[in-house]
Amino acid sequence: MTRLSVEMLAADTVQPITSAGHTQLGIAVLAGIAVIVLLITKFKLHPFLALTIGSLVLGAVAGAPLDKAIVSFTTGLGSTVAGVGVLIALGAILGKLLADSGGADQIVDTILARAGGRAMPWAMVLIASVIGLPLFFEVGIVLLIPVVLMVARRGNYSLMRIGIPALAGLSVMHGLIPPHPGPLVAIDAVKANLGVTLALGIVVAIPTVIIAGPLFSKVAARWVDVQAPDRMIPERASESLERRPGFGATLATVLLPVALMLTKALVDIVIDDPANMTQRVFDVVGSPLIALLVAVLVGFFTLGRPAGFTKGRLQQTVEQGLMPIAGILLIVGAGGGFKQTLIDCGVGQMILDVSKDWSIPALLLAWLIAVAIRLATGSATVATVSAAGLVAPLAADMSTAHTALLVLAIGAGSLFFSHVNDAGFWLVKEYFGLSVGQTVKTWSVMETIISVVAGGLVLLLSLVV
């Protein structure tokens, strides 16, 4: 189990800050979410303030002491920013460096030249699926969004036509395919075979990502016809640049953090000995923070130097890369604060308690429990950990294949309908420049399609394996 997984599990098992009953907690959840949506849509309040107020309303209606609700919110905000804030910052620096040096132009021009027209959404889903294999969803967004935005703008595509396939590829990998922490925790909890789970996961993932990505993007582009937001797209590298980095060097720089993190995941699977020096070394160099930091430092030489950047120009690039992300960091952090308030109030445990009396097939039960916890807490990892712990006893009499399908059912349920209590919701909204309603009609619906299609495929596979 990874360090992050242990932390998420610990977060889900803390003592609740209120002794409210299930009915009161349910009302509190609805009240908190309603306040957030109303403040943002009706009163046009900044999402950071709306999430902060909604968290306090949730705690108050649930009967939690105000001081403890504040601590829960600030703790969640801090842990979220600590977890993804530095990654967003490093990714923004790398993205700005790619843009200013002409490296991003090189990637975009090459992609447009070789995969134009109808092939572009399919190319994006393939790239996102490969890159998303070893990455947390947030890290994948950080790496892919600059390319998505520039491909959409330069090729004159609808943002949804390009963005939805990329998001689908990342999300499916995150929820279904080890070595992501969620699937790994579920595999450990139900004692599933990792190889069988990976093989069946790929069988489920391929049709799921096709339906939720390139196919749904046609519908999403009609529902929300928007162009890539100017504020998040770096200007095309100046024509005054005498040269720009080659395609190979640029691609290698972008894929460097992916390679480091994938190597770490493979080493963890093969060695599985925390005391082993090799594994300890790769645990460090393959961590998202170090991998992205190394990519930025390498980029100074592989991107900045070929473009003729001086030390002063590199410093300017770093500063300009950081400026646009302040609002995003606060909104994502506040989303984490709201999620932590939900968990600390005991909402996750409430869902587990209520679901214990459901008399339905094990795979469907696992999916439904994960769905409920996902809706309540906003965290796919928390939903996976909680649901896996609850249904683990059911795996005792299952075959190897059905135990693996149990893991996939949990993973599919953990992706259901991302909304205002999910940090990923706010990341997509801000990066793509969407309204809350537009984000729901595109991102939230896409997540629901992934969850339902993957869950249905798992049930179908259970009939034949």
Protein backbone atom coordinates (compact mmCIF):
# COMPACT_ATOMS: atom_id res chain seq x y z
CA MET A 1 0.00 0.00 0.00
CA THR A 2 1.41 3.39 -0.96
CA ARG A 3 1.94 6.21 1.49
CA LEU A 4 -0.94 8.20 -0.05
CA SER A 5 -3.27 5.24 0.25
CA VAL A 6 -2.44 4.86 3.93
CA GLU A 7 -3.14 8.54 4.49
CA MET A 8 -6.48 8.36 2.68
CA LEU A 9 -7.50 5.29 4.66
CA ALA A 10 -6.54 7.03 7.89
CA ALA A 11 -8.56 10.08 6.86
CA ASP A 12 -11.62 7.91 6.35
CA THR A 13 -11.40 6.18 9.72
CA VAL A 14 -11.04 9.18 12.04
CA GLN A 15 -13.62 9.75 14.77
CA PRO A 16 -16.47 11.96 13.50
CA ILE A 17 -16.72 15.50 14.90
CA THR A 18 -20.47 15.14 15.42
CA SER A 19 -22.81 12.50 16.83
CA ALA A 20 -25.63 13.39 14.43
CA GLY A 21 -27.88 10.64 13.15
CA HIS A 22 -28.00 9.47 9.57
CA THR A 23 -31.00 11.63 8.67
CA GLN A 24 -29.39 14.78 10.00
CA LEU A 25 -26.12 14.00 8.22
CA GLY A 26 -27.98 13.44 4.95
CA ILE A 27 -29.74 16.79 5.31
CA ALA A 28 -26.40 18.44 6.15
CA VAL A 29 -24.79 17.07 2.98
CA LEU A 30 -27.66 18.30 0.81
CA ALA A 31 -27.62 21.70 2.54
CA GLY A 32 -23.87 22.14 2.10
CA ILE A 33 -23.92 21.23 -1.58
CA ALA A 34 -27.04 23.37 -2.22
CA VAL A 35 -25.39 26.42 -0.63
CA ILE A 36 -22.26 25.99 -2.75
CA VAL A 37 -24.19 25.63 -6.00
CA LEU A 38 -26.54 28.54 -5.15
CA LEU A 39 -23.75 30.93 -4.17
CA ILE A 40 -21.80 30.22 -7.35
CA THR A 41 -24.67 30.12 -9.86
CA LYS A 42 -27.15 32.63 -8.40
CA PHE A 43 -24.97 35.11 -6.54
CA LYS A 44 -21.84 34.70 -8.69
CA LEU A 45 -19.65 34.30 -5.62
CA HIS A 46 -16.10 33.09 -6.19
CA PRO A 47 -15.93 29.27 -5.82
CA PHE A 48 -13.27 29.57 -3.10
CA LEU A 49 -15.62 31.61 -0.91
CA ALA A 50 -18.62 29.44 -1.80
CA LEU A 51 -16.80 26.25 -0.84
CA THR A 52 -15.64 27.80 2.42
CA ILE A 53 -19.16 28.91 3.36
CA GLY A 54 -20.68 25.62 2.23
CA SER A 55 -18.27 23.68 4.45
CA LEU A 56 -19.29 25.75 7.48
CA VAL A 57 -22.98 25.27 6.66
CA LEU A 58 -22.42 21.52 6.38
CA GLY A 59 -20.76 21.40 9.80
CA ALA A 60 -23.43 23.60 11.39
CA VAL A 61 -26.39 21.58 10.06
CA ALA A 62 -24.65 18.34 11.06
CA GLY A 63 -24.37 19.67 14.62
CA ALA A 64 -20.57 19.83 14.68
CA PRO A 65 -18.90 22.44 16.90
CA LEU A 66 -17.90 25.40 14.74
CA ASP A 67 -14.27 25.29 15.84
CA LYS A 68 -13.97 21.62 14.84
CA ALA A 69 -15.65 22.26 11.50
CA ILE A 70 -13.12 25.03 10.84
CA VAL A 71 -10.25 22.71 11.74
CA SER A 72 -11.62 20.03 9.38
CA PHE A 73 -11.91 22.52 6.53
CA THR A 74 -8.46 24.03 7.00
CA THR A 75 -6.91 20.58 7.43
CA GLY A 76 -8.47 19.38 4.19
CA LEU A 77 -7.45 22.56 2.40
CA GLY A 78 -3.90 22.24 3.63
CA SER A 79 -3.53 18.56 2.79
CA THR A 80 -5.00 19.06 -0.69
CA VAL A 81 -2.70 21.97 -1.50
CA ALA A 82 0.21 20.03 -0.03
CA GLY A 83 -0.69 17.05 -2.17
CA VAL A 84 -1.37 18.72 -5.52
CA GLY A 85 -0.40 22.37 -5.07
CA VAL A 86 3.31 21.92 -5.70
CA LEU A 87 2.53 19.57 -8.58
CA ILE A 88 0.28 22.18 -10.18
CA ALA A 89 3.01 24.80 -9.72
CA LEU A 90 5.74 22.63 -11.22
CA GLY A 91 3.47 21.61 -14.07
CA ALA A 92 2.67 25.27 -14.77
CA ILE A 93 6.38 26.09 -14.91
CA LEU A 94 7.05 23.18 -17.26
CA GLY A 95 4.09 24.19 -19.43
CA LYS A 96 5.27 27.81 -19.66
CA LEU A 97 8.79 26.65 -20.47
CA LEU A 98 7.43 24.41 -23.21
CA ALA A 99 5.44 27.29 -24.65
CA ASP A 100 8.07 30.05 -24.47
CA SER A 101 10.84 27.89 -25.90
CA GLY A 102 8.74 26.77 -28.85
CA GLY A 103 8.77 23.16 -27.65
CA ALA A 104 4.99 23.06 -27.22
CA ASP A 105 4.60 24.48 -30.72
CA GLN A 106 6.79 21.67 -31.99
CA ILE A 107 4.58 19.03 -30.33
CA VAL A 108 1.34 20.64 -31.47
CA ASP A 109 2.53 21.16 -35.04
CA THR A 110 3.68 17.55 -35.27
CA ILE A 111 0.41 16.18 -33.86
CA LEU A 112 -1.66 18.38 -36.17
CA ALA A 113 0.39 17.31 -39.18
CA ARG A 114 0.05 13.59 -38.48
CA ALA A 115 -3.37 13.20 -36.85
CA GLY A 116 -5.67 15.84 -38.20
CA GLY A 117 -9.41 15.88 -38.67
CA ARG A 118 -11.47 13.04 -37.25
CA ALA A 119 -8.39 11.21 -35.97
CA MET A 120 -7.48 13.92 -33.48
CA PRO A 121 -9.87 12.88 -30.63
CA TRP A 122 -8.63 9.30 -30.99
CA ALA A 123 -5.03 10.46 -30.86
CA MET A 124 -5.76 12.45 -27.69
CA VAL A 125 -7.42 9.53 -25.90
CA LEU A 126 -4.50 7.27 -26.77
CA ILE A 127 -1.92 9.78 -25.54
CA ALA A 128 -3.87 10.43 -22.33
CA SER A 129 -4.32 6.72 -21.61
CA VAL A 130 -0.62 6.01 -22.01
CA ILE A 131 0.51 9.03 -20.01
CA GLY A 132 -2.21 8.49 -17.41
CA LEU A 133 -1.16 4.92 -16.65
CA PRO A 134 1.32 5.75 -13.86
CA LEU A 135 -0.03 9.19 -12.90
CA PHE A 136 -2.49 10.56 -10.40
CA PHE A 137 -5.35 12.22 -12.23
CA GLU A 138 -4.31 15.71 -11.13
CA VAL A 139 -0.73 15.19 -12.35
CA GLY A 140 -1.97 13.95 -15.70
CA ILE A 141 -4.15 17.03 -16.10
CA VAL A 142 -1.18 19.27 -15.31
CA LEU A 143 0.92 17.60 -18.00
CA LEU A 144 -1.76 17.29 -20.69
CA ILE A 145 -3.87 20.44 -20.41
CA PRO A 146 -1.37 22.79 -22.15
CA VAL A 147 -1.20 20.42 -25.13
CA VAL A 148 -5.00 19.95 -25.16
CA LEU A 149 -5.65 23.69 -25.12
CA MET A 150 -3.11 24.48 -27.82
CA VAL A 151 -4.24 21.63 -30.10
CA ALA A 152 -7.83 22.85 -29.76
CA ARG A 153 -6.84 26.44 -30.56
CA ARG A 154 -4.35 25.81 -33.36
CA GLY A 155 -6.50 23.19 -35.06
CA ASN A 156 -9.71 25.20 -34.54
CA TYR A 157 -11.39 22.30 -32.72
CA SER A 158 -14.13 22.57 -30.12
CA LEU A 159 -12.46 22.32 -26.72
CA MET A 160 -14.78 19.50 -25.69
CA ARG A 161 -13.94 17.50 -28.83
CA ILE A 162 -10.29 17.41 -27.77
CA GLY A 163 -10.54 17.75 -23.98
CA ILE A 164 -13.12 15.05 -23.21
CA PRO A 165 -11.08 12.21 -24.81
CA ALA A 166 -8.00 13.28 -22.86
CA LEU A 167 -9.93 13.48 -19.57
CA ALA A 168 -11.58 10.10 -20.23
CA GLY A 169 -8.22 8.44 -20.80
CA LEU A 170 -6.83 9.85 -17.56
CA SER A 171 -9.91 9.04 -15.49
CA VAL A 172 -10.29 5.44 -16.66
CA MET A 173 -6.64 4.72 -15.86
CA HIS A 174 -7.05 6.33 -12.43
CA GLY A 175 -10.07 4.29 -11.42
CA LEU A 176 -9.49 0.89 -12.99
CA ILE A 177 -5.86 0.15 -13.70
CA PRO A 178 -3.10 -0.64 -11.21
CA PRO A 179 -0.55 0.72 -10.24
CA HIS A 180 -2.87 3.57 -9.24
CA PRO A 181 -3.31 3.65 -5.43
CA GLY A 182 -7.07 3.03 -5.47
CA PRO A 183 -6.97 -0.23 -7.44
CA LEU A 184 -3.87 -1.38 -5.54
CA VAL A 185 -5.61 -0.86 -2.19
CA ALA A 186 -8.69 -2.74 -3.40
CA ILE A 187 -6.52 -5.58 -4.72
CA ASP A 188 -4.84 -5.86 -1.33
CA ALA A 189 -8.13 -5.65 0.60
CA VAL A 190 -9.92 -8.43 -1.29
CA LYS A 191 -6.75 -10.48 -1.95
CA ALA A 192 -7.11 -10.28 -5.72
CA ASN A 193 -4.47 -11.34 -8.21
CA LEU A 194 -2.77 -8.21 -9.60
CA GLY A 195 -2.01 -9.69 -13.02
CA VAL A 196 -5.57 -10.96 -13.56
CA THR A 197 -6.98 -7.63 -12.35
CA LEU A 198 -4.73 -5.72 -14.74
CA ALA A 199 -5.68 -7.95 -17.68
CA LEU A 200 -9.43 -7.74 -17.00
CA GLY A 201 -9.04 -4.03 -16.26
CA ILE A 202 -7.65 -3.45 -19.74
CA VAL A 203 -10.54 -5.43 -21.25
CA VAL A 204 -12.99 -3.17 -19.41
CA ALA A 205 -11.01 0.04 -19.93
CA ILE A 206 -10.72 -0.05 -23.74
CA PRO A 207 -14.44 0.05 -24.66
CA THR A 208 -15.16 2.32 -21.69
CA VAL A 209 -12.66 4.96 -22.75
CA ILE A 210 -13.84 4.80 -26.37
CA ILE A 211 -17.48 5.41 -25.40
CA ALA A 212 -16.77 8.08 -22.77
CA GLY A 213 -14.00 9.73 -24.79
CA PRO A 214 -14.15 10.17 -28.58
CA LEU A 215 -17.81 9.12 -28.91
CA PHE A 216 -19.23 11.20 -26.04
CA SER A 217 -17.07 14.16 -27.03
CA LYS A 218 -19.26 14.59 -30.13
CA VAL A 219 -22.30 15.06 -27.87
CA ALA A 220 -20.41 17.18 -25.34
CA ALA A 221 -19.20 19.52 -28.08
CA ARG A 222 -22.83 20.15 -29.09
CA TRP A 223 -23.95 20.69 -25.49
CA VAL A 224 -21.09 23.01 -24.62
CA ASP A 225 -19.57 24.66 -27.68
CA VAL A 226 -16.61 26.57 -26.23
CA GLN A 227 -13.15 27.46 -27.41
CA ALA A 228 -9.93 27.10 -25.41
CA PRO A 229 -9.69 29.99 -22.90
CA ASP A 230 -7.07 32.58 -23.80
CA ARG A 231 -5.98 33.11 -20.18
CA MET A 232 -4.73 29.52 -19.89
CA ILE A 233 -3.05 29.31 -23.31
CA PRO A 234 0.51 30.60 -23.50
CA GLU A 235 1.15 32.73 -26.55
CA ARG A 236 2.80 31.03 -29.49
CA ALA A 237 6.58 31.24 -29.22
CA SER A 238 7.87 34.47 -30.69
CA GLU A 239 8.73 34.35 -34.35
CA SER A 240 11.94 36.16 -33.40
CA LEU A 241 13.31 32.94 -31.94
CA GLU A 242 16.12 31.79 -34.17
CA ARG A 243 15.49 28.15 -33.32
CA ARG A 244 13.34 25.93 -31.12
CA PRO A 245 13.88 22.53 -29.49
CA GLY A 246 13.55 19.42 -31.61
CA PHE A 247 10.51 17.18 -31.36
CA GLY A 248 12.50 14.33 -29.81
CA ALA A 249 14.03 16.46 -27.06
CA THR A 250 10.70 18.09 -26.29
CA LEU A 251 8.80 14.81 -26.14
CA ALA A 252 11.51 13.25 -23.98
CA THR A 253 11.27 16.16 -21.52
CA VAL A 254 7.49 15.86 -21.28
CA LEU A 255 7.62 12.08 -20.84
CA LEU A 256 10.50 12.15 -18.34
CA PRO A 257 8.26 12.43 -15.23
CA VAL A 258 5.96 9.77 -16.71
CA ALA A 259 8.92 7.42 -17.20
CA LEU A 260 10.24 8.02 -13.68
CA MET A 261 6.85 7.41 -12.04
CA LEU A 262 6.13 4.34 -14.19
CA THR A 263 9.54 2.89 -13.30
CA LYS A 264 8.81 3.44 -9.62
CA ALA A 265 5.46 1.65 -9.96
CA LEU A 266 7.05 -1.32 -11.73
CA VAL A 267 9.85 -1.55 -9.15
CA ASP A 268 7.27 -1.48 -6.34
CA ILE A 269 5.37 -4.36 -7.96
CA VAL A 270 8.44 -6.48 -8.75
CA ILE A 271 10.41 -5.99 -5.52
CA ASP A 272 7.70 -5.19 -2.93
CA ASP A 273 10.23 -4.81 -0.11
CA PRO A 274 10.28 -1.38 1.59
CA ALA A 275 13.72 -2.16 3.05
CA ASN A 276 15.25 -2.81 -0.37
CA MET A 277 17.64 0.01 -1.35
CA THR A 278 16.65 -0.08 -5.04
CA GLN A 279 12.99 0.31 -4.19
CA ARG A 280 13.76 3.13 -1.75
CA VAL A 281 15.72 5.01 -4.41
CA PHE A 282 12.94 4.70 -6.97
CA ASP A 283 10.35 5.65 -4.35
CA VAL A 284 12.14 9.00 -4.16
CA VAL A 285 13.00 9.71 -7.79
CA GLY A 286 9.64 8.35 -8.95
CA SER A 287 7.51 10.41 -6.59
CA PRO A 288 5.37 12.96 -8.50
CA LEU A 289 7.07 15.94 -6.86
CA ILE A 290 10.64 14.83 -7.61
CA ALA A 291 9.73 13.57 -11.08
CA LEU A 292 8.18 16.90 -12.08
CA LEU A 293 10.98 18.86 -10.43
CA VAL A 294 13.56 16.87 -12.37
CA ALA A 295 11.62 17.48 -15.58
CA VAL A 296 11.62 21.23 -14.96
CA LEU A 297 15.36 21.29 -14.26
CA VAL A 298 16.09 19.13 -17.30
CA GLY A 299 13.82 21.39 -19.35
CA PHE A 300 16.08 24.35 -18.60
CA PHE A 301 18.75 22.59 -20.67
CA THR A 302 16.71 20.65 -23.25
CA LEU A 303 14.20 23.44 -23.95
CA GLY A 304 15.59 26.73 -22.69
CA ARG A 305 19.14 26.40 -23.97
CA PRO A 306 18.22 25.36 -27.56
CA ALA A 307 15.88 28.39 -27.68
CA GLY A 308 18.73 30.67 -26.60
CA PHE A 309 17.28 31.59 -23.20
CA THR A 310 19.47 33.48 -20.75
CA LYS A 311 19.30 32.94 -16.98
CA GLY A 312 17.18 36.07 -16.70
CA ARG A 313 14.76 34.82 -19.33
CA LEU A 314 14.43 31.48 -17.55
CA GLN A 315 13.62 33.28 -14.28
CA GLN A 316 11.00 35.38 -16.08
CA THR A 317 9.45 32.24 -17.56
CA VAL A 318 9.15 30.65 -14.12
CA GLU A 319 7.52 33.75 -12.64
CA GLN A 320 5.05 34.09 -15.51
CA GLY A 321 4.18 30.41 -15.31
CA LEU A 322 3.21 30.68 -11.65
CA MET A 323 1.00 33.78 -11.83
CA PRO A 324 -2.15 32.29 -13.48
CA ILE A 325 -2.53 29.39 -11.03
CA ALA A 326 -3.15 31.26 -7.74
CA GLY A 327 -6.94 31.12 -8.10
CA ILE A 328 -6.87 27.49 -9.19
CA LEU A 329 -4.83 26.48 -6.13
CA LEU A 330 -7.28 28.17 -3.74
CA ILE A 331 -10.34 26.65 -5.39
CA VAL A 332 -8.87 23.14 -5.49
CA GLY A 333 -7.74 23.53 -1.88
CA ALA A 334 -11.21 24.65 -0.77
CA GLY A 335 -12.71 21.64 -2.56
CA GLY A 336 -10.39 19.47 -0.47
CA GLY A 337 -11.52 21.30 2.66
CA PHE A 338 -15.17 20.59 1.89
CA LYS A 339 -14.36 16.93 1.26
CA GLN A 340 -12.52 16.64 4.60
CA THR A 341 -15.44 18.26 6.42
CA LEU A 342 -17.75 15.63 4.91
CA ILE A 343 -15.45 12.83 6.03
CA ASP A 344 -14.92 14.21 9.54
CA CYS A 345 -18.66 14.64 10.04
CA GLY A 346 -18.99 10.88 9.48
CA VAL A 347 -20.73 10.92 6.11
CA GLY A 348 -18.55 8.14 4.70
CA GLN A 349 -19.27 5.91 7.70
CA MET A 350 -22.97 6.72 7.42
CA ILE A 351 -22.99 5.38 3.85
CA LEU A 352 -21.22 2.21 4.96
CA ASP A 353 -23.65 1.65 7.83
CA VAL A 354 -26.73 2.12 5.67
CA SER A 355 -25.43 -0.16 2.90
CA LYS A 356 -24.77 -3.13 5.18
CA ASP A 357 -28.40 -4.26 4.96
CA TRP A 358 -28.62 -4.21 1.15
CA SER A 359 -29.36 -7.72 -0.21
CA ILE A 360 -28.01 -7.62 -3.77
CA PRO A 361 -25.24 -9.38 -5.76
CA ALA A 362 -21.73 -8.71 -4.50
CA LEU A 363 -20.43 -6.96 -7.64
CA LEU A 364 -23.44 -4.63 -7.84
CA LEU A 365 -23.25 -4.00 -4.08
CA ALA A 366 -19.59 -3.05 -4.37
CA TRP A 367 -20.38 -0.65 -7.23
CA LEU A 368 -23.30 0.98 -5.38
CA ILE A 369 -21.34 1.44 -2.16
CA ALA A 370 -18.48 3.06 -4.05
CA VAL A 371 -20.96 5.30 -5.89
CA ALA A 372 -22.58 6.46 -2.65
CA ILE A 373 -19.28 7.24 -0.95
CA ARG A 374 -17.98 8.97 -4.09
CA LEU A 375 -21.07 11.21 -4.21
CA ALA A 376 -20.77 12.02 -0.52
CA THR A 377 -17.02 12.64 -0.21
CA GLY A 378 -15.89 13.50 -3.73
CA SER A 379 -12.82 11.29 -3.45
CA ALA A 380 -12.40 8.28 -5.72
CA THR A 381 -9.62 6.94 -3.50
CA VAL A 382 -11.70 7.23 -0.31
CA ALA A 383 -14.62 5.55 -2.09
CA THR A 384 -12.37 2.71 -3.25
CA VAL A 385 -10.74 2.18 0.14
CA SER A 386 -14.06 2.26 2.03
CA ALA A 387 -15.97 0.02 -0.36
CA ALA A 388 -13.12 -2.49 -0.59
CA GLY A 389 -12.97 -2.78 3.18
CA LEU A 390 -16.70 -3.38 3.41
CA VAL A 391 -17.04 -6.02 0.68
CA ALA A 392 -13.73 -7.81 1.34
CA PRO A 393 -15.40 -10.68 3.26
CA LEU A 394 -17.54 -11.41 0.19
CA ALA A 395 -14.42 -12.30 -1.81
CA ALA A 396 -13.62 -15.31 0.36
CA ASP A 397 -15.66 -17.74 -1.77
CA MET A 398 -15.02 -16.08 -5.14
CA SER A 399 -12.88 -17.38 -7.98
CA THR A 400 -9.71 -15.55 -8.97
CA ALA A 401 -11.44 -13.88 -11.92
CA HIS A 402 -14.48 -12.79 -9.91
CA THR A 403 -12.27 -11.39 -7.15
CA ALA A 404 -10.52 -9.27 -9.79
CA LEU A 405 -13.91 -8.17 -11.12
CA LEU A 406 -14.87 -7.14 -7.59
CA VAL A 407 -11.90 -4.75 -7.60
CA LEU A 408 -12.99 -3.34 -10.96
CA ALA A 409 -16.60 -2.92 -9.79
CA ILE A 410 -15.34 -0.85 -6.87
CA GLY A 411 -13.10 1.21 -9.14
CA ALA A 412 -15.94 1.85 -11.58
CA GLY A 413 -18.27 3.01 -8.81
CA SER A 414 -15.63 5.33 -7.39
CA LEU A 415 -15.74 7.46 -10.58
CA PHE A 416 -19.49 8.15 -10.58
CA PHE A 417 -20.70 11.76 -11.14
CA SER A 418 -17.92 14.06 -9.97
CA HIS A 419 -19.43 17.31 -8.65
CA VAL A 420 -18.67 20.30 -6.41
CA ASN A 421 -16.99 18.31 -3.61
CA ASP A 422 -14.36 16.83 -5.95
CA ALA A 423 -11.09 18.69 -6.49
CA GLY A 424 -10.97 17.26 -10.02
CA PHE A 425 -14.25 19.04 -10.82
CA TRP A 426 -12.70 22.41 -10.03
CA LEU A 427 -9.47 21.61 -11.85
CA VAL A 428 -11.38 20.87 -15.05
CA LYS A 429 -13.67 23.88 -14.61
CA GLU A 430 -10.83 26.36 -14.13
CA TYR A 431 -8.41 24.96 -16.71
CA PHE A 432 -11.12 24.81 -19.39
CA GLY A 433 -12.74 28.12 -18.39
CA LEU A 434 -16.21 26.58 -17.95
CA SER A 435 -19.15 27.54 -15.76
CA VAL A 436 -20.39 25.15 -13.08
CA GLY A 437 -23.31 24.12 -15.31
CA GLN A 438 -21.06 23.50 -18.30
CA THR A 439 -18.69 21.43 -16.17
CA VAL A 440 -21.59 19.27 -14.98
CA LYS A 441 -22.87 18.73 -18.55
CA THR A 442 -19.44 17.65 -19.78
CA TRP A 443 -17.04 16.44 -17.09
CA SER A 444 -19.64 15.13 -14.62
CA VAL A 445 -21.63 13.34 -17.31
CA MET A 446 -18.41 11.86 -18.76
CA GLU A 447 -17.46 10.48 -15.34
CA THR A 448 -20.92 8.98 -14.96
CA ILE A 449 -20.67 7.32 -18.40
CA ILE A 450 -17.31 5.83 -17.41
CA SER A 451 -18.76 4.50 -14.15
CA VAL A 452 -21.92 3.02 -15.67
CA VAL A 453 -20.26 1.53 -18.76
CA ALA A 454 -17.38 0.03 -16.77
CA GLY A 455 -19.78 -1.30 -14.13
CA GLY A 456 -21.98 -2.86 -16.79
CA LEU A 457 -19.01 -4.48 -18.51
CA VAL A 458 -17.86 -5.93 -15.20
CA LEU A 459 -21.30 -7.52 -14.66
CA LEU A 460 -21.27 -8.92 -18.21
CA LEU A 461 -17.80 -10.36 -17.76
CA SER A 462 -18.91 -12.04 -14.53
CA LEU A 463 -21.31 -14.13 -16.62
CA VAL A 464 -18.59 -15.52 -18.89
CA VAL A 465 -15.44 -15.84 -16.71
